[in-house]
Amino acid sequence: MRFLMAGLGLVLLAGCVTTADLEGNKPSISVVSKRDPKQYAMCVFPKWQAARTDSFMVETTNGYRLWVANSGLADELLDVTKTPNGSLIELKQRMSWSPGLGRDAIEKSVRDCL
């Protein structure tokens, strides 16, 4: 029983990971788009939802933030930040080298919507 409780505690701690954990990662994609943040986010988000139902989007003070979570862990983080001529697009990934579920579609949509 103690092992079960200890294991459950570790699982709960792992579930506390947020998008903040990916903010320090180097972007796997960092580009500038002529589209404004809303246009870009509204292009990408439906494609993310089609690829992964666990996709989320929020409006920020200077753009939009999209992320994909899996079992409480953020796997993909896309920041769309307003610039004077459009948007700065930065995709940060937990394990960019790993072929995760829907990862190709996630990356393709980031590029296709530029």
N, C-alpha and C. Protein backbone atom coordinates (compact mmCIF):
# COMPACT_ATOMS: atom_id res chain seq x y z
N MET A 1 0.82 -1.19 0.00
CA MET A 1 0.00 0.00 0.00
C MET A 1 0.87 1.26 0.00
N ARG A 2 1.98 1.22 0.75
CA ARG A 2 2.87 2.38 0.78
C ARG A 2 3.47 2.66 -0.59
N PHE A 3 3.81 1.58 -1.31
CA PHE A 3 4.38 1.76 -2.64
C PHE A 3 3.36 2.38 -3.58
N LEU A 4 2.12 1.99 -3.45
CA LEU A 4 1.04 2.54 -4.27
C LEU A 4 0.88 4.03 -4.00
N MET A 5 0.88 4.42 -2.73
CA MET A 5 0.73 5.83 -2.36
C MET A 5 1.94 6.65 -2.83
N ALA A 6 3.14 6.09 -2.70
CA ALA A 6 4.34 6.79 -3.15
C ALA A 6 4.30 6.98 -4.67
N GLY A 7 3.89 5.95 -5.38
CA GLY A 7 3.77 6.03 -6.84
C GLY A 7 2.72 7.05 -7.25
N LEU A 8 1.60 7.07 -6.56
CA LEU A 8 0.55 8.03 -6.85
C LEU A 8 1.05 9.45 -6.61
N GLY A 9 1.81 9.64 -5.54
CA GLY A 9 2.38 10.96 -5.25
C GLY A 9 3.30 11.44 -6.36
N LEU A 10 4.12 10.55 -6.89
CA LEU A 10 5.02 10.92 -7.99
C LEU A 10 4.24 11.27 -9.25
N VAL A 11 3.18 10.52 -9.52
CA VAL A 11 2.36 10.81 -10.68
C VAL A 11 1.70 12.18 -10.54
N LEU A 12 1.21 12.50 -9.37
CA LEU A 12 0.57 13.79 -9.14
C LEU A 12 1.57 14.93 -9.29
N LEU A 13 2.79 14.75 -8.81
CA LEU A 13 3.81 15.77 -8.96
C LEU A 13 4.15 15.97 -10.43
N ALA A 14 4.23 14.90 -11.18
CA ALA A 14 4.53 15.01 -12.61
C ALA A 14 3.41 15.74 -13.33
N GLY A 15 2.18 15.62 -12.86
CA GLY A 15 1.04 16.29 -13.48
C GLY A 15 1.03 17.78 -13.25
N CYS A 16 1.92 18.30 -12.42
CA CYS A 16 1.96 19.72 -12.13
C CYS A 16 2.80 20.50 -13.14
N VAL A 17 3.30 19.83 -14.15
CA VAL A 17 4.12 20.50 -15.16
C VAL A 17 3.21 21.41 -15.99
N THR A 18 3.65 22.62 -16.28
CA THR A 18 2.88 23.58 -17.04
C THR A 18 3.66 24.04 -18.26
N THR A 19 3.06 24.94 -19.02
CA THR A 19 3.75 25.48 -20.18
C THR A 19 5.00 26.26 -19.77
N ALA A 20 5.06 26.71 -18.53
CA ALA A 20 6.24 27.45 -18.05
C ALA A 20 7.50 26.60 -18.16
N ASP A 21 7.36 25.29 -18.09
CA ASP A 21 8.51 24.40 -18.20
C ASP A 21 9.13 24.44 -19.60
N LEU A 22 8.32 24.78 -20.60
CA LEU A 22 8.83 24.85 -21.97
C LEU A 22 9.35 26.24 -22.33
N GLU A 23 9.01 27.25 -21.54
CA GLU A 23 9.41 28.61 -21.87
C GLU A 23 10.93 28.78 -21.94
N GLY A 24 11.67 28.02 -21.16
CA GLY A 24 13.13 28.12 -21.16
C GLY A 24 13.78 27.35 -22.30
N ASN A 25 13.01 26.53 -23.00
CA ASN A 25 13.57 25.75 -24.11
C ASN A 25 13.87 26.65 -25.31
N LYS A 26 14.87 26.27 -26.07
CA LYS A 26 15.18 26.97 -27.31
C LYS A 26 14.09 26.64 -28.33
N PRO A 27 13.60 27.64 -29.08
CA PRO A 27 12.55 27.36 -30.07
C PRO A 27 13.04 26.41 -31.16
N SER A 28 12.21 25.46 -31.53
CA SER A 28 12.53 24.60 -32.66
C SER A 28 12.15 25.28 -33.96
N ILE A 29 11.21 26.23 -33.90
CA ILE A 29 10.85 27.07 -35.03
C ILE A 29 10.75 28.50 -34.49
N SER A 30 11.43 29.43 -35.12
CA SER A 30 11.34 30.84 -34.75
C SER A 30 11.38 31.65 -36.05
N VAL A 31 10.22 32.20 -36.43
CA VAL A 31 10.11 32.93 -37.69
C VAL A 31 9.21 34.16 -37.50
N VAL A 32 9.26 35.02 -38.48
CA VAL A 32 8.40 36.20 -38.49
C VAL A 32 7.38 36.03 -39.60
N SER A 33 6.13 36.38 -39.29
CA SER A 33 5.05 36.31 -40.27
C SER A 33 4.50 37.71 -40.49
N LYS A 34 4.02 37.98 -41.69
CA LYS A 34 3.38 39.26 -41.97
C LYS A 34 1.95 39.30 -41.45
N ARG A 35 1.42 38.15 -41.06
CA ARG A 35 0.06 38.09 -40.51
C ARG A 35 0.04 38.64 -39.09
N ASP A 36 -1.08 39.27 -38.73
CA ASP A 36 -1.18 39.71 -37.34
C ASP A 36 -1.44 38.49 -36.46
N PRO A 37 -1.21 38.60 -35.16
CA PRO A 37 -1.32 37.43 -34.27
C PRO A 37 -2.67 36.71 -34.33
N LYS A 38 -3.75 37.46 -34.41
CA LYS A 38 -5.07 36.81 -34.44
C LYS A 38 -5.26 36.01 -35.71
N GLN A 39 -4.91 36.58 -36.86
CA GLN A 39 -5.03 35.86 -38.13
C GLN A 39 -4.20 34.58 -38.10
N TYR A 40 -2.98 34.69 -37.62
CA TYR A 40 -2.10 33.53 -37.58
C TYR A 40 -2.64 32.46 -36.64
N ALA A 41 -3.01 32.86 -35.43
CA ALA A 41 -3.51 31.90 -34.44
C ALA A 41 -4.78 31.21 -34.93
N MET A 42 -5.65 31.97 -35.60
CA MET A 42 -6.91 31.39 -36.09
C MET A 42 -6.67 30.47 -37.29
N CYS A 43 -5.54 30.58 -37.93
CA CYS A 43 -5.16 29.64 -38.98
C CYS A 43 -4.61 28.35 -38.37
N VAL A 44 -3.74 28.49 -37.38
CA VAL A 44 -3.05 27.34 -36.80
C VAL A 44 -3.95 26.51 -35.89
N PHE A 45 -4.73 27.15 -35.04
CA PHE A 45 -5.44 26.43 -33.98
C PHE A 45 -6.38 25.33 -34.50
N PRO A 46 -7.21 25.55 -35.51
CA PRO A 46 -8.06 24.44 -35.99
C PRO A 46 -7.25 23.24 -36.49
N LYS A 47 -6.09 23.52 -37.07
CA LYS A 47 -5.23 22.43 -37.55
C LYS A 47 -4.65 21.65 -36.37
N TRP A 48 -4.29 22.37 -35.31
CA TRP A 48 -3.80 21.69 -34.10
C TRP A 48 -4.90 20.83 -33.51
N GLN A 49 -6.12 21.36 -33.45
CA GLN A 49 -7.23 20.59 -32.89
C GLN A 49 -7.51 19.34 -33.71
N ALA A 50 -7.37 19.43 -35.02
CA ALA A 50 -7.58 18.26 -35.87
C ALA A 50 -6.50 17.21 -35.63
N ALA A 51 -5.28 17.67 -35.36
CA ALA A 51 -4.17 16.73 -35.13
C ALA A 51 -4.19 16.18 -33.71
N ARG A 52 -4.52 17.02 -32.75
CA ARG A 52 -4.51 16.63 -31.33
C ARG A 52 -5.68 17.32 -30.63
N THR A 53 -6.59 16.54 -30.11
CA THR A 53 -7.76 17.11 -29.44
C THR A 53 -7.40 17.80 -28.13
N ASP A 54 -6.21 17.56 -27.62
CA ASP A 54 -5.77 18.17 -26.37
C ASP A 54 -4.99 19.45 -26.63
N SER A 55 -5.49 20.26 -27.58
CA SER A 55 -4.90 21.55 -27.93
C SER A 55 -5.68 22.68 -27.27
N PHE A 56 -4.96 23.73 -26.88
CA PHE A 56 -5.58 24.84 -26.19
C PHE A 56 -5.02 26.15 -26.73
N MET A 57 -5.81 27.23 -26.61
CA MET A 57 -5.37 28.54 -27.06
C MET A 57 -5.93 29.60 -26.12
N VAL A 58 -5.09 30.60 -25.80
CA VAL A 58 -5.53 31.75 -25.02
C VAL A 58 -4.95 33.01 -25.66
N GLU A 59 -5.68 34.11 -25.49
CA GLU A 59 -5.18 35.40 -25.94
C GLU A 59 -4.32 35.98 -24.83
N THR A 60 -3.17 36.54 -25.19
CA THR A 60 -2.28 37.17 -24.22
C THR A 60 -2.31 38.68 -24.44
N THR A 61 -1.58 39.42 -23.65
CA THR A 61 -1.58 40.87 -23.79
C THR A 61 -0.97 41.34 -25.11
N ASN A 62 -0.07 40.52 -25.68
CA ASN A 62 0.58 40.93 -26.93
C ASN A 62 0.48 39.88 -28.04
N GLY A 63 -0.53 39.02 -27.97
CA GLY A 63 -0.70 38.01 -29.01
C GLY A 63 -1.53 36.83 -28.55
N TYR A 64 -1.03 35.63 -28.87
CA TYR A 64 -1.74 34.39 -28.53
C TYR A 64 -0.74 33.34 -28.09
N ARG A 65 -1.22 32.41 -27.29
CA ARG A 65 -0.42 31.26 -26.86
C ARG A 65 -1.24 30.01 -27.11
N LEU A 66 -0.62 29.05 -27.79
CA LEU A 66 -1.24 27.76 -28.06
C LEU A 66 -0.36 26.70 -27.46
N TRP A 67 -0.98 25.62 -26.98
CA TRP A 67 -0.20 24.51 -26.47
C TRP A 67 -0.96 23.21 -26.61
N VAL A 68 -0.20 22.15 -26.61
CA VAL A 68 -0.74 20.79 -26.65
C VAL A 68 -0.27 20.10 -25.38
N ALA A 69 -1.22 19.52 -24.66
CA ALA A 69 -0.89 18.84 -23.42
C ALA A 69 -1.21 17.36 -23.55
N ASN A 70 -0.43 16.56 -22.87
CA ASN A 70 -0.63 15.11 -22.86
C ASN A 70 -0.47 14.63 -21.43
N SER A 71 -1.52 14.13 -20.85
CA SER A 71 -1.49 13.64 -19.46
C SER A 71 -0.97 14.71 -18.50
N GLY A 72 -1.39 15.95 -18.72
CA GLY A 72 -1.00 17.03 -17.83
C GLY A 72 0.34 17.65 -18.15
N LEU A 73 1.03 17.14 -19.15
CA LEU A 73 2.34 17.67 -19.56
C LEU A 73 2.18 18.46 -20.85
N ALA A 74 2.73 19.64 -20.91
CA ALA A 74 2.72 20.42 -22.15
C ALA A 74 3.82 19.88 -23.06
N ASP A 75 3.44 19.47 -24.26
CA ASP A 75 4.40 18.92 -25.21
C ASP A 75 4.84 19.95 -26.25
N GLU A 76 3.93 20.82 -26.64
CA GLU A 76 4.18 21.82 -27.67
C GLU A 76 3.69 23.16 -27.14
N LEU A 77 4.44 24.21 -27.39
CA LEU A 77 4.07 25.56 -26.96
C LEU A 77 4.35 26.52 -28.10
N LEU A 78 3.33 27.23 -28.54
CA LEU A 78 3.49 28.19 -29.63
C LEU A 78 3.10 29.58 -29.12
N ASP A 79 4.07 30.49 -29.15
CA ASP A 79 3.81 31.87 -28.80
C ASP A 79 3.75 32.69 -30.08
N VAL A 80 2.68 33.44 -30.24
CA VAL A 80 2.48 34.33 -31.38
C VAL A 80 2.46 35.74 -30.81
N THR A 81 3.52 36.49 -31.06
CA THR A 81 3.70 37.80 -30.45
C THR A 81 3.64 38.90 -31.50
N LYS A 82 2.87 39.94 -31.21
CA LYS A 82 2.73 41.07 -32.14
C LYS A 82 4.05 41.80 -32.32
N THR A 83 4.35 42.09 -33.58
CA THR A 83 5.52 42.92 -33.93
C THR A 83 4.99 44.09 -34.77
N PRO A 84 5.82 45.09 -35.03
CA PRO A 84 5.35 46.23 -35.84
C PRO A 84 4.87 45.84 -37.24
N ASN A 85 5.43 44.76 -37.80
CA ASN A 85 5.07 44.36 -39.16
C ASN A 85 4.35 43.02 -39.25
N GLY A 86 3.84 42.49 -38.15
CA GLY A 86 3.17 41.19 -38.18
C GLY A 86 3.30 40.47 -36.86
N SER A 87 3.91 39.28 -36.90
CA SER A 87 4.01 38.45 -35.70
C SER A 87 5.35 37.71 -35.65
N LEU A 88 5.82 37.52 -34.42
CA LEU A 88 6.94 36.62 -34.17
C LEU A 88 6.35 35.30 -33.74
N ILE A 89 6.74 34.22 -34.41
CA ILE A 89 6.22 32.89 -34.15
C ILE A 89 7.33 32.05 -33.54
N GLU A 90 7.09 31.50 -32.35
CA GLU A 90 8.08 30.64 -31.70
C GLU A 90 7.41 29.36 -31.21
N LEU A 91 7.87 28.24 -31.74
CA LEU A 91 7.39 26.92 -31.32
C LEU A 91 8.45 26.28 -30.44
N LYS A 92 8.05 25.94 -29.24
CA LYS A 92 8.95 25.25 -28.31
C LYS A 92 8.34 23.88 -28.02
N GLN A 93 9.20 22.88 -28.00
CA GLN A 93 8.75 21.50 -27.85
C GLN A 93 9.49 20.81 -26.71
N ARG A 94 8.76 19.91 -26.04
CA ARG A 94 9.39 19.17 -24.95
C ARG A 94 10.56 18.35 -25.46
N MET A 95 10.34 17.54 -26.46
CA MET A 95 11.40 16.71 -27.05
C MET A 95 11.28 16.83 -28.56
N SER A 96 11.89 17.87 -29.12
CA SER A 96 11.72 18.14 -30.55
C SER A 96 12.25 17.01 -31.43
N TRP A 97 13.14 16.20 -30.92
CA TRP A 97 13.71 15.10 -31.68
C TRP A 97 12.79 13.88 -31.69
N SER A 98 11.78 13.86 -30.82
CA SER A 98 10.92 12.69 -30.68
C SER A 98 9.70 12.79 -31.60
N PRO A 99 9.39 11.73 -32.34
CA PRO A 99 8.21 11.75 -33.20
C PRO A 99 6.94 11.47 -32.40
N GLY A 100 6.37 12.48 -31.79
CA GLY A 100 5.17 12.30 -30.97
C GLY A 100 3.91 12.26 -31.81
N LEU A 101 2.82 11.91 -31.16
CA LEU A 101 1.51 11.83 -31.80
C LEU A 101 1.13 13.18 -32.38
N GLY A 102 0.91 13.25 -33.67
CA GLY A 102 0.49 14.48 -34.33
C GLY A 102 1.57 15.53 -34.49
N ARG A 103 2.79 15.21 -34.12
CA ARG A 103 3.86 16.22 -34.16
C ARG A 103 4.10 16.75 -35.57
N ASP A 104 4.09 15.89 -36.57
CA ASP A 104 4.31 16.35 -37.94
C ASP A 104 3.23 17.35 -38.36
N ALA A 105 1.98 17.07 -38.00
CA ALA A 105 0.88 17.97 -38.35
C ALA A 105 0.99 19.29 -37.59
N ILE A 106 1.45 19.24 -36.35
CA ILE A 106 1.64 20.45 -35.54
C ILE A 106 2.69 21.35 -36.21
N GLU A 107 3.84 20.78 -36.54
CA GLU A 107 4.92 21.55 -37.15
C GLU A 107 4.52 22.05 -38.54
N LYS A 108 3.84 21.21 -39.30
CA LYS A 108 3.41 21.59 -40.65
C LYS A 108 2.45 22.77 -40.60
N SER A 109 1.53 22.77 -39.67
CA SER A 109 0.56 23.87 -39.57
C SER A 109 1.25 25.18 -39.21
N VAL A 110 2.29 25.11 -38.37
CA VAL A 110 3.04 26.32 -38.00
C VAL A 110 3.66 26.93 -39.27
N ARG A 111 4.20 26.09 -40.12
CA ARG A 111 4.83 26.59 -41.35
C ARG A 111 3.80 26.99 -42.41
N ASP A 112 2.73 26.20 -42.56
CA ASP A 112 1.73 26.45 -43.59
C ASP A 112 0.98 27.77 -43.39
N CYS A 113 0.83 28.19 -42.15
CA CYS A 113 0.05 29.40 -41.86
C CYS A 113 0.86 30.69 -41.94
N LEU A 114 2.15 30.57 -42.19
CA LEU A 114 2.97 31.78 -42.26
C LEU A 114 2.47 32.69 -43.36
